[in-house]
Amino acid sequence: MLSNTLTDTRTTDVQATVVQEIVAILDEDTVDELGELTAETELSALGLNSLAFARLIIKLERALGVDPFSQGGDFVALRTVGALAGAYEQALSARTEA
């Protein structure tokens, strides 16, 4: 049961970090227009161009200390904020287990 609590806490922390970094990249008007970002928010709805998305990935790598795409993970297949957070959660879990 403790491990589930730790996993839930890590998930919440990772998702919060992902949302925080997205908001930091988006301009204020876009954030206001989008409203609350949730795990279900489509990444395509964020209006990030390729450069902004690359900046987001770099900021997340620095903030979370892992690169889920270094082993060939397919970031193109990620469709939602939750899926992006999930990629980082898996990378953190793999690093912890190693």
N, C-alpha and C. Protein backbone atom coordinates (compact mmCIF):
# COMPACT_ATOMS: atom_id res chain seq x y z
N MET A 1 0.82 -1.19 0.00
CA MET A 1 0.00 0.00 0.00
C MET A 1 0.87 1.26 0.00
N LEU A 2 1.98 1.22 0.69
CA LEU A 2 2.86 2.36 0.73
C LEU A 2 3.39 2.68 -0.66
N SER A 3 3.75 1.65 -1.43
CA SER A 3 4.28 1.90 -2.77
C SER A 3 3.23 2.56 -3.66
N ASN A 4 1.95 2.19 -3.51
CA ASN A 4 0.90 2.85 -4.27
C ASN A 4 0.81 4.32 -3.91
N THR A 5 0.95 4.62 -2.64
CA THR A 5 0.92 6.02 -2.19
C THR A 5 2.09 6.78 -2.79
N LEU A 6 3.27 6.17 -2.78
CA LEU A 6 4.43 6.83 -3.36
C LEU A 6 4.25 7.03 -4.86
N THR A 7 3.71 6.05 -5.54
CA THR A 7 3.46 6.16 -6.98
C THR A 7 2.45 7.26 -7.26
N ASP A 8 1.36 7.30 -6.47
CA ASP A 8 0.35 8.33 -6.65
C ASP A 8 0.95 9.71 -6.42
N THR A 9 1.80 9.84 -5.41
CA THR A 9 2.44 11.12 -5.11
C THR A 9 3.36 11.51 -6.25
N ARG A 10 4.15 10.57 -6.75
CA ARG A 10 5.05 10.85 -7.87
C ARG A 10 4.26 11.28 -9.09
N THR A 11 3.15 10.59 -9.37
CA THR A 11 2.30 10.93 -10.52
C THR A 11 1.79 12.35 -10.39
N THR A 12 1.29 12.69 -9.22
CA THR A 12 0.78 14.03 -8.98
C THR A 12 1.89 15.06 -9.16
N ASP A 13 3.07 14.79 -8.61
CA ASP A 13 4.19 15.71 -8.72
C ASP A 13 4.64 15.88 -10.17
N VAL A 14 4.73 14.79 -10.90
CA VAL A 14 5.17 14.86 -12.29
C VAL A 14 4.14 15.62 -13.13
N GLN A 15 2.88 15.32 -12.96
CA GLN A 15 1.85 16.03 -13.72
C GLN A 15 1.85 17.51 -13.38
N ALA A 16 2.03 17.84 -12.11
CA ALA A 16 2.08 19.25 -11.70
C ALA A 16 3.28 19.95 -12.35
N THR A 17 4.41 19.26 -12.41
CA THR A 17 5.60 19.84 -13.04
C THR A 17 5.37 20.04 -14.53
N VAL A 18 4.77 19.07 -15.19
CA VAL A 18 4.48 19.19 -16.62
C VAL A 18 3.58 20.39 -16.87
N VAL A 19 2.51 20.51 -16.10
CA VAL A 19 1.58 21.64 -16.27
C VAL A 19 2.30 22.96 -15.99
N GLN A 20 3.09 23.01 -14.94
CA GLN A 20 3.82 24.23 -14.58
C GLN A 20 4.75 24.67 -15.72
N GLU A 21 5.46 23.73 -16.31
CA GLU A 21 6.38 24.07 -17.40
C GLU A 21 5.63 24.48 -18.67
N ILE A 22 4.49 23.87 -18.93
CA ILE A 22 3.67 24.27 -20.08
C ILE A 22 3.20 25.71 -19.90
N VAL A 23 2.69 26.01 -18.72
CA VAL A 23 2.21 27.36 -18.44
C VAL A 23 3.34 28.38 -18.56
N ALA A 24 4.54 28.00 -18.14
CA ALA A 24 5.69 28.90 -18.23
C ALA A 24 6.05 29.23 -19.68
N ILE A 25 5.79 28.31 -20.59
CA ILE A 25 6.11 28.53 -22.00
C ILE A 25 5.00 29.28 -22.74
N LEU A 26 3.77 28.99 -22.38
CA LEU A 26 2.64 29.63 -23.07
C LEU A 26 2.51 31.08 -22.62
N ASP A 27 1.96 31.91 -23.51
CA ASP A 27 1.70 33.28 -23.10
C ASP A 27 0.42 33.33 -22.26
N GLU A 28 0.25 34.41 -21.54
CA GLU A 28 -0.86 34.54 -20.59
C GLU A 28 -2.22 34.43 -21.27
N ASP A 29 -2.37 35.02 -22.45
CA ASP A 29 -3.65 34.95 -23.15
C ASP A 29 -4.01 33.52 -23.52
N THR A 30 -3.03 32.74 -23.95
CA THR A 30 -3.28 31.35 -24.31
C THR A 30 -3.70 30.55 -23.08
N VAL A 31 -3.03 30.77 -21.95
CA VAL A 31 -3.37 30.07 -20.71
C VAL A 31 -4.80 30.41 -20.30
N ASP A 32 -5.15 31.69 -20.38
CA ASP A 32 -6.51 32.10 -20.02
C ASP A 32 -7.54 31.46 -20.94
N GLU A 33 -7.23 31.39 -22.22
CA GLU A 33 -8.14 30.81 -23.20
C GLU A 33 -8.33 29.31 -22.98
N LEU A 34 -7.24 28.61 -22.63
CA LEU A 34 -7.31 27.17 -22.43
C LEU A 34 -8.05 26.79 -21.15
N GLY A 35 -7.96 27.64 -20.15
CA GLY A 35 -8.53 27.30 -18.86
C GLY A 35 -7.63 26.34 -18.13
N GLU A 36 -8.19 25.49 -17.31
CA GLU A 36 -7.40 24.55 -16.53
C GLU A 36 -6.82 23.45 -17.41
N LEU A 37 -5.52 23.23 -17.26
CA LEU A 37 -4.88 22.13 -17.97
C LEU A 37 -5.04 20.87 -17.13
N THR A 38 -5.52 19.80 -17.75
CA THR A 38 -5.71 18.53 -17.06
C THR A 38 -4.94 17.46 -17.81
N ALA A 39 -4.95 16.26 -17.27
CA ALA A 39 -4.29 15.13 -17.93
C ALA A 39 -4.91 14.86 -19.30
N GLU A 40 -6.16 15.21 -19.48
CA GLU A 40 -6.86 14.96 -20.74
C GLU A 40 -6.65 16.06 -21.78
N THR A 41 -6.03 17.17 -21.39
CA THR A 41 -5.81 18.26 -22.34
C THR A 41 -4.94 17.78 -23.49
N GLU A 42 -5.42 17.98 -24.70
CA GLU A 42 -4.69 17.59 -25.90
C GLU A 42 -3.48 18.51 -26.09
N LEU A 43 -2.32 17.92 -26.32
CA LEU A 43 -1.13 18.73 -26.56
C LEU A 43 -1.31 19.62 -27.79
N SER A 44 -2.03 19.14 -28.78
CA SER A 44 -2.26 19.93 -30.00
C SER A 44 -3.06 21.20 -29.70
N ALA A 45 -3.86 21.19 -28.64
CA ALA A 45 -4.67 22.35 -28.28
C ALA A 45 -3.83 23.46 -27.65
N LEU A 46 -2.60 23.15 -27.27
CA LEU A 46 -1.75 24.13 -26.61
C LEU A 46 -1.18 25.15 -27.58
N GLY A 47 -1.16 24.80 -28.86
CA GLY A 47 -0.64 25.72 -29.85
C GLY A 47 0.87 25.88 -29.83
N LEU A 48 1.57 24.88 -29.30
CA LEU A 48 3.02 24.95 -29.26
C LEU A 48 3.60 24.62 -30.64
N ASN A 49 4.49 25.47 -31.11
CA ASN A 49 5.19 25.12 -32.34
C ASN A 49 6.33 24.16 -31.98
N SER A 50 7.06 23.68 -32.96
CA SER A 50 8.08 22.67 -32.69
C SER A 50 9.19 23.20 -31.78
N LEU A 51 9.56 24.46 -31.92
CA LEU A 51 10.58 25.04 -31.07
C LEU A 51 10.11 25.13 -29.62
N ALA A 52 8.88 25.56 -29.42
CA ALA A 52 8.33 25.66 -28.07
C ALA A 52 8.20 24.28 -27.44
N PHE A 53 7.82 23.28 -28.24
CA PHE A 53 7.71 21.92 -27.71
C PHE A 53 9.09 21.40 -27.31
N ALA A 54 10.09 21.69 -28.13
CA ALA A 54 11.46 21.27 -27.80
C ALA A 54 11.92 21.95 -26.51
N ARG A 55 11.61 23.23 -26.35
CA ARG A 55 11.95 23.94 -25.10
C ARG A 55 11.26 23.29 -23.91
N LEU A 56 10.00 22.89 -24.09
CA LEU A 56 9.26 22.22 -23.02
C LEU A 56 9.95 20.93 -22.62
N ILE A 57 10.34 20.13 -23.58
CA ILE A 57 11.01 18.86 -23.30
C ILE A 57 12.32 19.09 -22.55
N ILE A 58 13.07 20.09 -22.95
CA ILE A 58 14.33 20.41 -22.27
C ILE A 58 14.07 20.86 -20.84
N LYS A 59 13.07 21.71 -20.65
CA LYS A 59 12.74 22.19 -19.30
C LYS A 59 12.29 21.03 -18.41
N LEU A 60 11.51 20.12 -18.96
CA LEU A 60 11.06 18.96 -18.18
C LEU A 60 12.21 18.05 -17.82
N GLU A 61 13.12 17.86 -18.75
CA GLU A 61 14.29 17.02 -18.47
C GLU A 61 15.10 17.63 -17.32
N ARG A 62 15.28 18.93 -17.34
CA ARG A 62 16.02 19.59 -16.26
C ARG A 62 15.26 19.51 -14.94
N ALA A 63 13.97 19.75 -14.97
CA ALA A 63 13.17 19.76 -13.74
C ALA A 63 13.03 18.37 -13.12
N LEU A 64 12.90 17.35 -13.97
CA LEU A 64 12.63 16.00 -13.47
C LEU A 64 13.86 15.10 -13.45
N GLY A 65 14.92 15.51 -14.13
CA GLY A 65 16.17 14.76 -14.09
C GLY A 65 16.21 13.50 -14.93
N VAL A 66 15.26 13.35 -15.84
CA VAL A 66 15.26 12.19 -16.73
C VAL A 66 14.86 12.63 -18.14
N ASP A 67 15.30 11.84 -19.11
CA ASP A 67 14.92 12.05 -20.51
C ASP A 67 14.23 10.78 -20.99
N PRO A 68 12.91 10.76 -21.03
CA PRO A 68 12.21 9.54 -21.44
C PRO A 68 12.39 9.19 -22.92
N PHE A 69 12.98 10.09 -23.68
CA PHE A 69 13.12 9.88 -25.11
C PHE A 69 14.54 9.50 -25.51
N SER A 70 15.43 9.40 -24.54
CA SER A 70 16.83 9.10 -24.85
C SER A 70 17.02 7.68 -25.38
N GLN A 71 16.12 6.80 -25.06
CA GLN A 71 16.21 5.42 -25.53
C GLN A 71 15.27 5.17 -26.71
N GLY A 72 14.93 6.24 -27.40
CA GLY A 72 14.11 6.09 -28.60
C GLY A 72 12.62 6.16 -28.37
N GLY A 73 12.19 6.67 -27.21
CA GLY A 73 10.76 6.83 -26.97
C GLY A 73 10.14 7.73 -28.02
N ASP A 74 8.90 7.49 -28.36
CA ASP A 74 8.24 8.20 -29.45
C ASP A 74 7.39 9.34 -28.90
N PHE A 75 7.98 10.54 -28.83
CA PHE A 75 7.22 11.67 -28.31
C PHE A 75 6.14 12.13 -29.29
N VAL A 76 6.26 11.76 -30.54
CA VAL A 76 5.25 12.13 -31.54
C VAL A 76 3.91 11.44 -31.22
N ALA A 77 3.96 10.27 -30.62
CA ALA A 77 2.75 9.52 -30.31
C ALA A 77 2.01 10.08 -29.10
N LEU A 78 2.64 10.95 -28.33
CA LEU A 78 2.00 11.51 -27.14
C LEU A 78 0.92 12.51 -27.57
N ARG A 79 -0.27 12.33 -27.06
CA ARG A 79 -1.39 13.17 -27.48
C ARG A 79 -1.90 14.11 -26.38
N THR A 80 -1.67 13.77 -25.11
CA THR A 80 -2.24 14.55 -24.02
C THR A 80 -1.18 14.94 -22.99
N VAL A 81 -1.54 15.89 -22.16
CA VAL A 81 -0.67 16.28 -21.05
C VAL A 81 -0.40 15.07 -20.16
N GLY A 82 -1.41 14.27 -19.91
CA GLY A 82 -1.26 13.07 -19.08
C GLY A 82 -0.31 12.05 -19.70
N ALA A 83 -0.36 11.90 -21.01
CA ALA A 83 0.54 10.96 -21.70
C ALA A 83 1.98 11.46 -21.61
N LEU A 84 2.18 12.77 -21.73
CA LEU A 84 3.51 13.33 -21.59
C LEU A 84 4.03 13.11 -20.18
N ALA A 85 3.19 13.39 -19.20
CA ALA A 85 3.57 13.15 -17.80
C ALA A 85 3.87 11.67 -17.58
N GLY A 86 3.07 10.80 -18.19
CA GLY A 86 3.27 9.36 -18.07
C GLY A 86 4.62 8.90 -18.59
N ALA A 87 5.09 9.52 -19.67
CA ALA A 87 6.41 9.17 -20.22
C ALA A 87 7.50 9.49 -19.20
N TYR A 88 7.36 10.62 -18.52
CA TYR A 88 8.35 10.99 -17.49
C TYR A 88 8.22 10.10 -16.26
N GLU A 89 7.00 9.74 -15.90
CA GLU A 89 6.79 8.84 -14.76
C GLU A 89 7.45 7.49 -15.02
N GLN A 90 7.29 6.96 -16.23
CA GLN A 90 7.91 5.68 -16.57
C GLN A 90 9.43 5.77 -16.52
N ALA A 91 9.97 6.87 -17.03
CA ALA A 91 11.43 7.04 -17.01
C ALA A 91 11.93 7.15 -15.57
N LEU A 92 11.18 7.85 -14.73
CA LEU A 92 11.59 7.94 -13.31
C LEU A 92 11.53 6.58 -12.64
N SER A 93 10.48 5.81 -12.94
CA SER A 93 10.35 4.47 -12.36
C SER A 93 11.50 3.57 -12.82
N ALA A 94 11.82 3.63 -14.09
CA ALA A 94 12.91 2.80 -14.64
C ALA A 94 14.24 3.16 -13.98
N ARG A 95 14.45 4.44 -13.75
CA ARG A 95 15.69 4.88 -13.12
C ARG A 95 15.75 4.42 -11.67
N THR A 96 14.60 4.47 -10.99
CA THR A 96 14.53 4.04 -9.59
C THR A 96 14.78 2.53 -9.45
N GLU A 97 14.25 1.76 -10.41
CA GLU A 97 14.39 0.31 -10.38
C GLU A 97 15.78 -0.15 -10.76
N ALA A 98 16.49 0.66 -11.50
CA ALA A 98 17.83 0.28 -11.99
C ALA A 98 18.87 0.29 -10.88
